[in-house]
Amino acid sequence: MFGSIGIPELIIILVIILLLFGASRLPEIGRGLGKGIKNFKESTKDEGDKP
């Protein structure tokens, strides 16, 4: 599905994100995304441990 995304496409996506949210909000968005991924990994790991 994402096999054809290369460096130019990623740069365009990054520029669009910068225009939409602004440079000052990017660290806040990244932090929230990281916490969400961490919570997801923990919840899937916990599901595998339960009998």
PDB file of N, CA and C in Angstrom:
ATOM      1  N   MET A   1       0.826  -1.193   0.000  1.00  0.00           N
ATOM      2  CA  MET A   1       0.000   0.000   0.000  1.00  0.00           C
ATOM      3  C   MET A   1       0.867   1.252   0.000  1.00  0.00           C
ATOM      4  N   PHE A   2       1.855   1.329   0.905  1.00  0.00           N
ATOM      5  CA  PHE A   2       2.713   2.505   0.982  1.00  0.00           C
ATOM      6  C   PHE A   2       4.064   2.270   0.326  1.00  0.00           C
ATOM      7  N   GLY A   3       4.200   1.250  -0.483  1.00  0.00           N
ATOM      8  CA  GLY A   3       5.469   0.902  -1.088  1.00  0.00           C
ATOM      9  C   GLY A   3       5.995   1.924  -2.061  1.00  0.00           C
ATOM     10  N   SER A   4       5.112   2.726  -2.651  1.00  0.00           N
ATOM     11  CA  SER A   4       5.556   3.675  -3.665  1.00  0.00           C
ATOM     12  C   SER A   4       5.834   5.068  -3.108  1.00  0.00           C
ATOM     13  N   ILE A   5       5.774   5.252  -1.788  1.00  0.00           N
ATOM     14  CA  ILE A   5       6.061   6.556  -1.198  1.00  0.00           C
ATOM     15  C   ILE A   5       7.573   6.693  -1.054  1.00  0.00           C
ATOM     16  N   GLY A   6       8.105   7.734  -1.679  1.00  0.00           N
ATOM     17  CA  GLY A   6       9.538   7.974  -1.624  1.00  0.00           C
ATOM     18  C   GLY A   6       9.845   9.261  -0.880  1.00  0.00           C
ATOM     19  N   ILE A   7      11.093   9.677  -0.961  1.00  0.00           N
ATOM     20  CA  ILE A   7      11.546  10.888  -0.278  1.00  0.00           C
ATOM     21  C   ILE A   7      10.800  12.137  -0.761  1.00  0.00           C
ATOM     22  N   PRO A   8      10.622  12.344  -2.066  1.00  0.00           N
ATOM     23  CA  PRO A   8       9.902  13.562  -2.500  1.00  0.00           C
ATOM     24  C   PRO A   8       8.471  13.635  -1.953  1.00  0.00           C
ATOM     25  N   GLU A   9       7.785  12.509  -1.905  1.00  0.00           N
ATOM     26  CA  GLU A   9       6.428  12.502  -1.384  1.00  0.00           C
ATOM     27  C   GLU A   9       6.408  12.813   0.108  1.00  0.00           C
ATOM     28  N   LEU A  10       7.371  12.261   0.856  1.00  0.00           N
ATOM     29  CA  LEU A  10       7.445  12.538   2.294  1.00  0.00           C
ATOM     30  C   LEU A  10       7.732  14.012   2.561  1.00  0.00           C
ATOM     31  N   ILE A  11       8.570  14.626   1.732  1.00  0.00           N
ATOM     32  CA  ILE A  11       8.875  16.056   1.892  1.00  0.00           C
ATOM     33  C   ILE A  11       7.623  16.884   1.634  1.00  0.00           C
ATOM     34  N   ILE A  12       6.862  16.532   0.614  1.00  0.00           N
ATOM     35  CA  ILE A  12       5.627  17.260   0.318  1.00  0.00           C
ATOM     36  C   ILE A  12       4.642  17.126   1.468  1.00  0.00           C
ATOM     37  N   ILE A  13       4.506  15.934   2.021  1.00  0.00           N
ATOM     38  CA  ILE A  13       3.611  15.717   3.161  1.00  0.00           C
ATOM     39  C   ILE A  13       4.061  16.550   4.359  1.00  0.00           C
ATOM     40  N   LEU A  14       5.358  16.586   4.625  1.00  0.00           N
ATOM     41  CA  LEU A  14       5.885  17.370   5.742  1.00  0.00           C
ATOM     42  C   LEU A  14       5.600  18.851   5.560  1.00  0.00           C
ATOM     43  N   VAL A  15       5.758  19.370   4.348  1.00  0.00           N
ATOM     44  CA  VAL A  15       5.481  20.785   4.074  1.00  0.00           C
ATOM     45  C   VAL A  15       4.003  21.085   4.296  1.00  0.00           C
ATOM     46  N   ILE A  16       3.127  20.198   3.868  1.00  0.00           N
ATOM     47  CA  ILE A  16       1.692  20.405   4.072  1.00  0.00           C
ATOM     48  C   ILE A  16       1.354  20.420   5.555  1.00  0.00           C
ATOM     49  N   ILE A  17       1.968  19.517   6.318  1.00  0.00           N
ATOM     50  CA  ILE A  17       1.737  19.488   7.773  1.00  0.00           C
ATOM     51  C   ILE A  17       2.238  20.776   8.411  1.00  0.00           C
ATOM     52  N   LEU A  18       3.392  21.256   7.975  1.00  0.00           N
ATOM     53  CA  LEU A  18       3.917  22.513   8.511  1.00  0.00           C
ATOM     54  C   LEU A  18       2.968  23.661   8.222  1.00  0.00           C
ATOM     55  N   LEU A  19       2.407  23.704   7.027  1.00  0.00           N
ATOM     56  CA  LEU A  19       1.486  24.773   6.673  1.00  0.00           C
ATOM     57  C   LEU A  19       0.191  24.693   7.475  1.00  0.00           C
ATOM     58  N   LEU A  20      -0.293  23.482   7.718  1.00  0.00           N
ATOM     59  CA  LEU A  20      -1.554  23.319   8.436  1.00  0.00           C
ATOM     60  C   LEU A  20      -1.429  23.632   9.925  1.00  0.00           C
ATOM     61  N   PHE A  21      -0.393  23.121  10.563  1.00  0.00           N
ATOM     62  CA  PHE A  21      -0.295  23.223  12.012  1.00  0.00           C
ATOM     63  C   PHE A  21       0.698  24.274  12.494  1.00  0.00           C
ATOM     64  N   GLY A  22       1.661  24.634  11.697  1.00  0.00           N
ATOM     65  CA  GLY A  22       2.678  25.574  12.136  1.00  0.00           C
ATOM     66  C   GLY A  22       3.805  24.870  12.859  1.00  0.00           C
ATOM     67  N   ALA A  23       4.983  25.472  12.810  1.00  0.00           N
ATOM     68  CA  ALA A  23       6.173  24.840  13.380  1.00  0.00           C
ATOM     69  C   ALA A  23       6.104  24.747  14.907  1.00  0.00           C
ATOM     70  N   SER A  24       5.385  25.645  15.549  1.00  0.00           N
ATOM     71  CA  SER A  24       5.351  25.650  17.013  1.00  0.00           C
ATOM     72  C   SER A  24       4.537  24.487  17.581  1.00  0.00           C
ATOM     73  N   ARG A  25       3.586  23.958  16.819  1.00  0.00           N
ATOM     74  CA  ARG A  25       2.740  22.869  17.323  1.00  0.00           C
ATOM     75  C   ARG A  25       3.269  21.492  16.987  1.00  0.00           C
ATOM     76  N   LEU A  26       4.270  21.391  16.104  1.00  0.00           N
ATOM     77  CA  LEU A  26       4.765  20.076  15.693  1.00  0.00           C
ATOM     78  C   LEU A  26       5.314  19.233  16.839  1.00  0.00           C
ATOM     79  N   PRO A  27       6.114  19.783  17.755  1.00  0.00           N
ATOM     80  CA  PRO A  27       6.595  18.947  18.869  1.00  0.00           C
ATOM     81  C   PRO A  27       5.445  18.408  19.729  1.00  0.00           C
ATOM     82  N   GLU A  28       4.432  19.231  19.921  1.00  0.00           N
ATOM     83  CA  GLU A  28       3.274  18.820  20.708  1.00  0.00           C
ATOM     84  C   GLU A  28       2.517  17.686  20.016  1.00  0.00           C
ATOM     85  N   ILE A  29       2.361  17.783  18.715  1.00  0.00           N
ATOM     86  CA  ILE A  29       1.682  16.744  17.946  1.00  0.00           C
ATOM     87  C   ILE A  29       2.498  15.452  17.966  1.00  0.00           C
ATOM     88  N   GLY A  30       3.806  15.569  17.788  1.00  0.00           N
ATOM     89  CA  GLY A  30       4.681  14.395  17.813  1.00  0.00           C
ATOM     90  C   GLY A  30       4.664  13.695  19.154  1.00  0.00           C
ATOM     91  N   ARG A  31       4.656  14.476  20.221  1.00  0.00           N
ATOM     92  CA  ARG A  31       4.620  13.907  21.572  1.00  0.00           C
ATOM     93  C   ARG A  31       3.319  13.137  21.781  1.00  0.00           C
ATOM     94  N   GLY A  32       2.202  13.710  21.363  1.00  0.00           N
ATOM     95  CA  GLY A  32       0.915  13.040  21.500  1.00  0.00           C
ATOM     96  C   GLY A  32       0.840  11.774  20.673  1.00  0.00           C
ATOM     97  N   LEU A  33       1.400  11.820  19.468  1.00  0.00           N
ATOM     98  CA  LEU A  33       1.417  10.640  18.601  1.00  0.00           C
ATOM     99  C   LEU A  33       2.272   9.533  19.210  1.00  0.00           C
ATOM    100  N   GLY A  34       3.406   9.898  19.779  1.00  0.00           N
ATOM    101  CA  GLY A  34       4.280   8.922  20.425  1.00  0.00           C
ATOM    102  C   GLY A  34       3.611   8.254  21.611  1.00  0.00           C
ATOM    103  N   LYS A  35       2.902   9.045  22.418  1.00  0.00           N
ATOM    104  CA  LYS A  35       2.185   8.478  23.564  1.00  0.00           C
ATOM    105  C   LYS A  35       1.088   7.531  23.098  1.00  0.00           C
ATOM    106  N   GLY A  36       0.407   7.894  22.020  1.00  0.00           N
ATOM    107  CA  GLY A  36      -0.643   7.028  21.495  1.00  0.00           C
ATOM    108  C   GLY A  36      -0.099   5.698  21.008  1.00  0.00           C
ATOM    109  N   ILE A  37       1.034   5.733  20.310  1.00  0.00           N
ATOM    110  CA  ILE A  37       1.655   4.503  19.825  1.00  0.00           C
ATOM    111  C   ILE A  37       2.120   3.646  20.993  1.00  0.00           C
ATOM    112  N   LYS A  38       2.685   4.283  22.011  1.00  0.00           N
ATOM    113  CA  LYS A  38       3.149   3.549  23.186  1.00  0.00           C
ATOM    114  C   LYS A  38       1.983   2.871  23.897  1.00  0.00           C
ATOM    115  N   ASN A  39       0.878   3.590  24.058  1.00  0.00           N
ATOM    116  CA  ASN A  39      -0.296   3.000  24.703  1.00  0.00           C
ATOM    117  C   ASN A  39      -0.853   1.845  23.880  1.00  0.00           C
ATOM    118  N   PHE A  40      -0.851   1.991  22.572  1.00  0.00           N
ATOM    119  CA  PHE A  40      -1.348   0.921  21.704  1.00  0.00           C
ATOM    120  C   PHE A  40      -0.489  -0.329  21.836  1.00  0.00           C
ATOM    121  N   LYS A  41       0.833  -0.159  21.826  1.00  0.00           N
ATOM    122  CA  LYS A  41       1.731  -1.306  21.968  1.00  0.00           C
ATOM    123  C   LYS A  41       1.546  -1.990  23.311  1.00  0.00           C
ATOM    124  N   GLU A  42       1.394  -1.195  24.380  1.00  0.00           N
ATOM    125  CA  GLU A  42       1.197  -1.775  25.703  1.00  0.00           C
ATOM    126  C   GLU A  42      -0.115  -2.543  25.776  1.00  0.00           C
ATOM    127  N   SER A  43      -1.169  -2.016  25.169  1.00  0.00           N
ATOM    128  CA  SER A  43      -2.463  -2.694  25.237  1.00  0.00           C
ATOM    129  C   SER A  43      -2.448  -3.982  24.428  1.00  0.00           C
ATOM    130  N   THR A  44      -1.780  -4.004  23.295  1.00  0.00           N
ATOM    131  CA  THR A  44      -1.725  -5.239  22.516  1.00  0.00           C
ATOM    132  C   THR A  44      -0.839  -6.268  23.202  1.00  0.00           C
ATOM    133  N   LYS A  45       0.198  -5.811  23.882  1.00  0.00           N
ATOM    134  CA  LYS A  45       1.074  -6.723  24.621  1.00  0.00           C
ATOM    135  C   LYS A  45       0.321  -7.316  25.809  1.00  0.00           C
ATOM    136  N   ASP A  46      -0.467  -6.517  26.506  1.00  0.00           N
ATOM    137  CA  ASP A  46      -1.240  -7.004  27.643  1.00  0.00           C
ATOM    138  C   ASP A  46      -2.287  -8.021  27.215  1.00  0.00           C
ATOM    139  N   GLU A  47      -2.898  -7.833  26.047  1.00  0.00           N
ATOM    140  CA  GLU A  47      -3.899  -8.765  25.555  1.00  0.00           C
ATOM    141  C   GLU A  47      -3.293 -10.154  25.308  1.00  0.00           C
ATOM    142  N   GLY A  48      -2.054 -10.214  24.861  1.00  0.00           N
ATOM    143  CA  GLY A  48      -1.413 -11.484  24.606  1.00  0.00           C
ATOM    144  C   GLY A  48      -1.044 -12.239  25.866  1.00  0.00           C
ATOM    145  N   ASP A  49      -0.868 -11.518  26.978  1.00  0.00           N
ATOM    146  CA  ASP A  49      -0.477 -12.147  28.246  1.00  0.00           C
ATOM    147  C   ASP A  49      -1.656 -12.762  28.984  1.00  0.00           C
ATOM    148  N   LYS A  50      -2.872 -12.311  28.705  1.00  0.00           N
ATOM    149  CA  LYS A  50      -4.039 -12.804  29.440  1.00  0.00           C
ATOM    150  C   LYS A  50      -4.424 -14.193  28.931  1.00  0.00           C
ATOM    151  N   PRO A  51      -4.821 -15.081  29.853  1.00  0.00           N
ATOM    152  CA  PRO A  51      -5.225 -16.446  29.461  1.00  0.00           C
ATOM    153  C   PRO A  51      -6.586 -16.470  28.820  1.00  0.00           C
TER     154      PRO A  51
END
